[in-house]
Protein backbone atom coordinates (compact mmCIF):
# COMPACT_ATOMS: atom_id res chain seq x y z
CA UNK A 1 0.00 0.00 0.00
CA UNK A 2 2.83 2.39 0.85
CA UNK A 3 4.54 1.87 -2.51
CA UNK A 4 1.27 2.50 -4.34
CA UNK A 5 0.73 5.75 -2.43
CA UNK A 6 4.28 6.92 -3.16
CA UNK A 7 3.96 6.09 -6.85
CA UNK A 8 0.64 7.94 -7.03
CA UNK A 9 2.35 11.00 -5.54
CA UNK A 10 5.30 10.70 -7.96
CA UNK A 11 2.90 10.37 -10.90
CA UNK A 12 1.06 13.56 -9.87
CA UNK A 13 4.39 15.41 -9.66
CA UNK A 14 5.44 14.03 -13.06
CA UNK A 15 2.09 14.89 -14.66
CA UNK A 16 2.66 18.52 -13.61
CA UNK A 17 5.87 18.58 -15.67
CA UNK A 18 8.58 17.67 -13.16
CA UNK A 19 11.01 14.89 -14.04
CA UNK A 20 11.15 12.21 -11.36
CA UNK A 21 14.18 9.93 -11.11
CA UNK A 22 13.29 6.65 -9.45
CA UNK A 23 15.72 3.91 -8.50
CA UNK A 24 14.07 0.52 -8.07
CA UNK A 25 14.51 -3.19 -8.58
CA UNK A 26 10.74 -3.66 -8.85
CA UNK A 27 10.07 -4.20 -12.55
CA UNK A 28 6.31 -4.12 -11.96
CA UNK A 29 6.70 -0.47 -10.92
CA UNK A 30 8.96 0.18 -13.91
CA UNK A 31 6.33 -1.19 -16.31
CA UNK A 32 3.50 0.77 -14.74
CA UNK A 33 5.13 4.16 -14.20
CA UNK A 34 8.43 4.64 -16.05
CA UNK A 35 8.71 6.39 -19.38
CA UNK A 36 12.47 5.94 -19.71
CA UNK A 37 14.60 3.19 -18.19
CA UNK A 38 18.34 3.11 -17.56
CA UNK A 39 19.67 -0.35 -16.68
CA UNK A 40 22.94 -0.40 -14.76
CA UNK A 41 25.30 -3.25 -14.01
CA UNK A 42 28.41 -2.90 -11.85
CA UNK A 43 28.00 0.89 -11.85
CA UNK A 44 27.88 1.21 -15.64
CA UNK A 45 24.94 1.91 -17.94
CA UNK A 46 24.28 -1.20 -20.03
CA UNK A 47 20.94 -0.28 -21.59
CA UNK A 48 18.62 2.69 -22.10
CA UNK A 49 15.10 2.11 -23.32
CA UNK A 50 11.42 2.57 -22.76
CA UNK A 51 9.93 -0.13 -20.49
CA UNK A 52 8.03 -2.05 -23.19
CA UNK A 53 11.07 -2.32 -25.47
CA UNK A 54 13.19 -3.42 -22.54
CA UNK A 55 10.84 -6.21 -21.49
CA UNK A 56 10.29 -7.34 -25.09
CA UNK A 57 14.04 -7.88 -25.45
CA UNK A 58 16.35 -10.48 -23.94
CA UNK A 59 16.99 -9.27 -20.39
CA UNK A 60 18.81 -12.38 -19.18
CA UNK A 61 22.22 -10.69 -19.26
CA UNK A 62 20.90 -8.06 -16.82
CA UNK A 63 19.18 -10.55 -14.49
CA UNK A 64 15.96 -8.51 -14.64
CA UNK A 65 12.65 -10.10 -13.78
CA UNK A 66 9.96 -9.49 -16.36
CA UNK A 67 6.89 -7.88 -14.73
CA UNK A 68 4.11 -10.34 -13.94
CA UNK A 69 1.52 -8.42 -15.96
CA UNK A 70 3.78 -8.37 -19.02
CA UNK A 71 4.50 -12.11 -18.66
CA UNK A 72 0.78 -12.87 -18.47
CA UNK A 73 -0.07 -10.64 -21.45
CA UNK A 74 2.72 -12.26 -23.48
CA UNK A 75 1.38 -15.75 -22.68
CA UNK A 76 -2.10 -14.68 -23.79
CA UNK A 77 -0.61 -13.27 -26.99
CA UNK A 78 1.38 -16.47 -27.59
CA UNK A 79 -1.84 -18.48 -27.20
CA UNK A 80 -3.73 -16.52 -29.83
CA UNK A 81 -5.07 -13.39 -28.18
CA UNK A 82 -4.74 -10.28 -30.34
CA UNK A 83 -2.96 -8.21 -27.71
CA UNK A 84 -0.69 -5.26 -28.49
CA UNK A 85 1.98 -5.50 -25.81
CA UNK A 86 3.04 -1.91 -26.45
CA UNK A 87 -0.19 -0.79 -24.78
CA UNK A 88 0.05 -2.96 -21.64
CA UNK A 89 1.13 -0.97 -18.58
CA UNK A 90 -1.67 -1.81 -16.14
CA UNK A 91 -4.37 -4.39 -15.53
CA UNK A 92 -6.88 -1.95 -16.97
CA UNK A 93 -4.81 -1.75 -20.17
CA UNK A 94 -4.77 -5.54 -20.44
CA UNK A 95 -8.54 -5.79 -19.94
CA UNK A 96 -9.05 -3.14 -22.63
CA UNK A 97 -6.80 -5.03 -25.05
CA UNK A 98 -8.63 -8.31 -24.39
CA UNK A 99 -12.02 -6.66 -24.99
CA UNK A 100 -10.78 -4.93 -28.11
CA UNK A 101 -8.69 -7.68 -29.63
CA UNK A 102 -10.39 -10.96 -28.96
CA UNK A 103 -8.87 -14.07 -30.48
CA UNK A 104 -6.79 -14.16 -33.65
CA UNK A 105 -8.22 -16.24 -36.47
C-alpha atoms as a PDB file:
ATOM      1  CA  UNK A   1       0.000   0.000   0.000  1.00  0.00           C
ATOM      2  CA  UNK A   2       2.834   2.392   0.852  1.00  0.00           C
ATOM      3  CA  UNK A   3       4.544   1.873  -2.509  1.00  0.00           C
ATOM      4  CA  UNK A   4       1.271   2.501  -4.335  1.00  0.00           C
ATOM      5  CA  UNK A   5       0.726   5.752  -2.427  1.00  0.00           C
ATOM      6  CA  UNK A   6       4.276   6.919  -3.162  1.00  0.00           C
ATOM      7  CA  UNK A   7       3.956   6.089  -6.850  1.00  0.00           C
ATOM      8  CA  UNK A   8       0.636   7.940  -7.027  1.00  0.00           C
ATOM      9  CA  UNK A   9       2.350  11.002  -5.543  1.00  0.00           C
ATOM     10  CA  UNK A  10       5.304  10.702  -7.960  1.00  0.00           C
ATOM     11  CA  UNK A  11       2.896  10.374 -10.899  1.00  0.00           C
ATOM     12  CA  UNK A  12       1.062  13.560  -9.871  1.00  0.00           C
ATOM     13  CA  UNK A  13       4.390  15.409  -9.661  1.00  0.00           C
ATOM     14  CA  UNK A  14       5.443  14.031 -13.058  1.00  0.00           C
ATOM     15  CA  UNK A  15       2.089  14.889 -14.655  1.00  0.00           C
ATOM     16  CA  UNK A  16       2.657  18.515 -13.611  1.00  0.00           C
ATOM     17  CA  UNK A  17       5.872  18.576 -15.666  1.00  0.00           C
ATOM     18  CA  UNK A  18       8.577  17.667 -13.165  1.00  0.00           C
ATOM     19  CA  UNK A  19      11.007  14.886 -14.035  1.00  0.00           C
ATOM     20  CA  UNK A  20      11.145  12.209 -11.356  1.00  0.00           C
ATOM     21  CA  UNK A  21      14.176   9.930 -11.113  1.00  0.00           C
ATOM     22  CA  UNK A  22      13.286   6.651  -9.452  1.00  0.00           C
ATOM     23  CA  UNK A  23      15.719   3.912  -8.505  1.00  0.00           C
ATOM     24  CA  UNK A  24      14.074   0.517  -8.069  1.00  0.00           C
ATOM     25  CA  UNK A  25      14.513  -3.193  -8.577  1.00  0.00           C
ATOM     26  CA  UNK A  26      10.739  -3.660  -8.850  1.00  0.00           C
ATOM     27  CA  UNK A  27      10.072  -4.203 -12.548  1.00  0.00           C
ATOM     28  CA  UNK A  28       6.313  -4.117 -11.956  1.00  0.00           C
ATOM     29  CA  UNK A  29       6.705  -0.466 -10.917  1.00  0.00           C
ATOM     30  CA  UNK A  30       8.958   0.183 -13.908  1.00  0.00           C
ATOM     31  CA  UNK A  31       6.335  -1.193 -16.313  1.00  0.00           C
ATOM     32  CA  UNK A  32       3.500   0.770 -14.738  1.00  0.00           C
ATOM     33  CA  UNK A  33       5.132   4.163 -14.203  1.00  0.00           C
ATOM     34  CA  UNK A  34       8.434   4.641 -16.049  1.00  0.00           C
ATOM     35  CA  UNK A  35       8.711   6.395 -19.385  1.00  0.00           C
ATOM     36  CA  UNK A  36      12.474   5.941 -19.713  1.00  0.00           C
ATOM     37  CA  UNK A  37      14.600   3.190 -18.192  1.00  0.00           C
ATOM     38  CA  UNK A  38      18.342   3.107 -17.556  1.00  0.00           C
ATOM     39  CA  UNK A  39      19.675  -0.347 -16.681  1.00  0.00           C
ATOM     40  CA  UNK A  40      22.941  -0.399 -14.761  1.00  0.00           C
ATOM     41  CA  UNK A  41      25.300  -3.251 -14.008  1.00  0.00           C
ATOM     42  CA  UNK A  42      28.410  -2.901 -11.848  1.00  0.00           C
ATOM     43  CA  UNK A  43      27.998   0.885 -11.847  1.00  0.00           C
ATOM     44  CA  UNK A  44      27.877   1.212 -15.640  1.00  0.00           C
ATOM     45  CA  UNK A  45      24.945   1.911 -17.940  1.00  0.00           C
ATOM     46  CA  UNK A  46      24.278  -1.199 -20.031  1.00  0.00           C
ATOM     47  CA  UNK A  47      20.938  -0.284 -21.589  1.00  0.00           C
ATOM     48  CA  UNK A  48      18.615   2.691 -22.103  1.00  0.00           C
ATOM     49  CA  UNK A  49      15.104   2.107 -23.323  1.00  0.00           C
ATOM     50  CA  UNK A  50      11.422   2.565 -22.762  1.00  0.00           C
ATOM     51  CA  UNK A  51       9.926  -0.135 -20.488  1.00  0.00           C
ATOM     52  CA  UNK A  52       8.028  -2.045 -23.190  1.00  0.00           C
ATOM     53  CA  UNK A  53      11.067  -2.316 -25.468  1.00  0.00           C
ATOM     54  CA  UNK A  54      13.189  -3.418 -22.538  1.00  0.00           C
ATOM     55  CA  UNK A  55      10.838  -6.215 -21.489  1.00  0.00           C
ATOM     56  CA  UNK A  56      10.289  -7.335 -25.086  1.00  0.00           C
ATOM     57  CA  UNK A  57      14.039  -7.879 -25.452  1.00  0.00           C
ATOM     58  CA  UNK A  58      16.351 -10.483 -23.944  1.00  0.00           C
ATOM     59  CA  UNK A  59      16.986  -9.275 -20.390  1.00  0.00           C
ATOM     60  CA  UNK A  60      18.813 -12.382 -19.177  1.00  0.00           C
ATOM     61  CA  UNK A  61      22.218 -10.690 -19.259  1.00  0.00           C
ATOM     62  CA  UNK A  62      20.899  -8.060 -16.824  1.00  0.00           C
ATOM     63  CA  UNK A  63      19.184 -10.551 -14.490  1.00  0.00           C
ATOM     64  CA  UNK A  64      15.963  -8.515 -14.638  1.00  0.00           C
ATOM     65  CA  UNK A  65      12.654 -10.100 -13.784  1.00  0.00           C
ATOM     66  CA  UNK A  66       9.962  -9.490 -16.356  1.00  0.00           C
ATOM     67  CA  UNK A  67       6.886  -7.876 -14.732  1.00  0.00           C
ATOM     68  CA  UNK A  68       4.106 -10.342 -13.938  1.00  0.00           C
ATOM     69  CA  UNK A  69       1.517  -8.420 -15.957  1.00  0.00           C
ATOM     70  CA  UNK A  70       3.778  -8.366 -19.023  1.00  0.00           C
ATOM     71  CA  UNK A  71       4.500 -12.106 -18.658  1.00  0.00           C
ATOM     72  CA  UNK A  72       0.780 -12.869 -18.471  1.00  0.00           C
ATOM     73  CA  UNK A  73      -0.071 -10.635 -21.445  1.00  0.00           C
ATOM     74  CA  UNK A  74       2.719 -12.257 -23.485  1.00  0.00           C
ATOM     75  CA  UNK A  75       1.378 -15.747 -22.676  1.00  0.00           C
ATOM     76  CA  UNK A  76      -2.098 -14.678 -23.792  1.00  0.00           C
ATOM     77  CA  UNK A  77      -0.609 -13.272 -26.991  1.00  0.00           C
ATOM     78  CA  UNK A  78       1.379 -16.467 -27.593  1.00  0.00           C
ATOM     79  CA  UNK A  79      -1.837 -18.480 -27.200  1.00  0.00           C
ATOM     80  CA  UNK A  80      -3.734 -16.523 -29.827  1.00  0.00           C
ATOM     81  CA  UNK A  81      -5.072 -13.392 -28.183  1.00  0.00           C
ATOM     82  CA  UNK A  82      -4.741 -10.281 -30.343  1.00  0.00           C
ATOM     83  CA  UNK A  83      -2.965  -8.215 -27.705  1.00  0.00           C
ATOM     84  CA  UNK A  84      -0.695  -5.264 -28.486  1.00  0.00           C
ATOM     85  CA  UNK A  85       1.981  -5.499 -25.806  1.00  0.00           C
ATOM     86  CA  UNK A  86       3.042  -1.909 -26.454  1.00  0.00           C
ATOM     87  CA  UNK A  87      -0.189  -0.788 -24.778  1.00  0.00           C
ATOM     88  CA  UNK A  88       0.054  -2.958 -21.641  1.00  0.00           C
ATOM     89  CA  UNK A  89       1.131  -0.970 -18.577  1.00  0.00           C
ATOM     90  CA  UNK A  90      -1.673  -1.806 -16.145  1.00  0.00           C
ATOM     91  CA  UNK A  91      -4.372  -4.390 -15.526  1.00  0.00           C
ATOM     92  CA  UNK A  92      -6.876  -1.952 -16.973  1.00  0.00           C
ATOM     93  CA  UNK A  93      -4.808  -1.747 -20.167  1.00  0.00           C
ATOM     94  CA  UNK A  94      -4.771  -5.539 -20.443  1.00  0.00           C
ATOM     95  CA  UNK A  95      -8.537  -5.785 -19.936  1.00  0.00           C
ATOM     96  CA  UNK A  96      -9.048  -3.144 -22.625  1.00  0.00           C
ATOM     97  CA  UNK A  97      -6.798  -5.032 -25.047  1.00  0.00           C
ATOM     98  CA  UNK A  98      -8.632  -8.308 -24.386  1.00  0.00           C
ATOM     99  CA  UNK A  99     -12.019  -6.660 -24.987  1.00  0.00           C
ATOM    100  CA  UNK A 100     -10.778  -4.927 -28.109  1.00  0.00           C
ATOM    101  CA  UNK A 101      -8.691  -7.683 -29.633  1.00  0.00           C
ATOM    102  CA  UNK A 102     -10.395 -10.965 -28.959  1.00  0.00           C
ATOM    103  CA  UNK A 103      -8.873 -14.068 -30.476  1.00  0.00           C
ATOM    104  CA  UNK A 104      -6.787 -14.165 -33.654  1.00  0.00           C
ATOM    105  CA  UNK A 105      -8.217 -16.235 -36.470  1.00  0.00           C
END
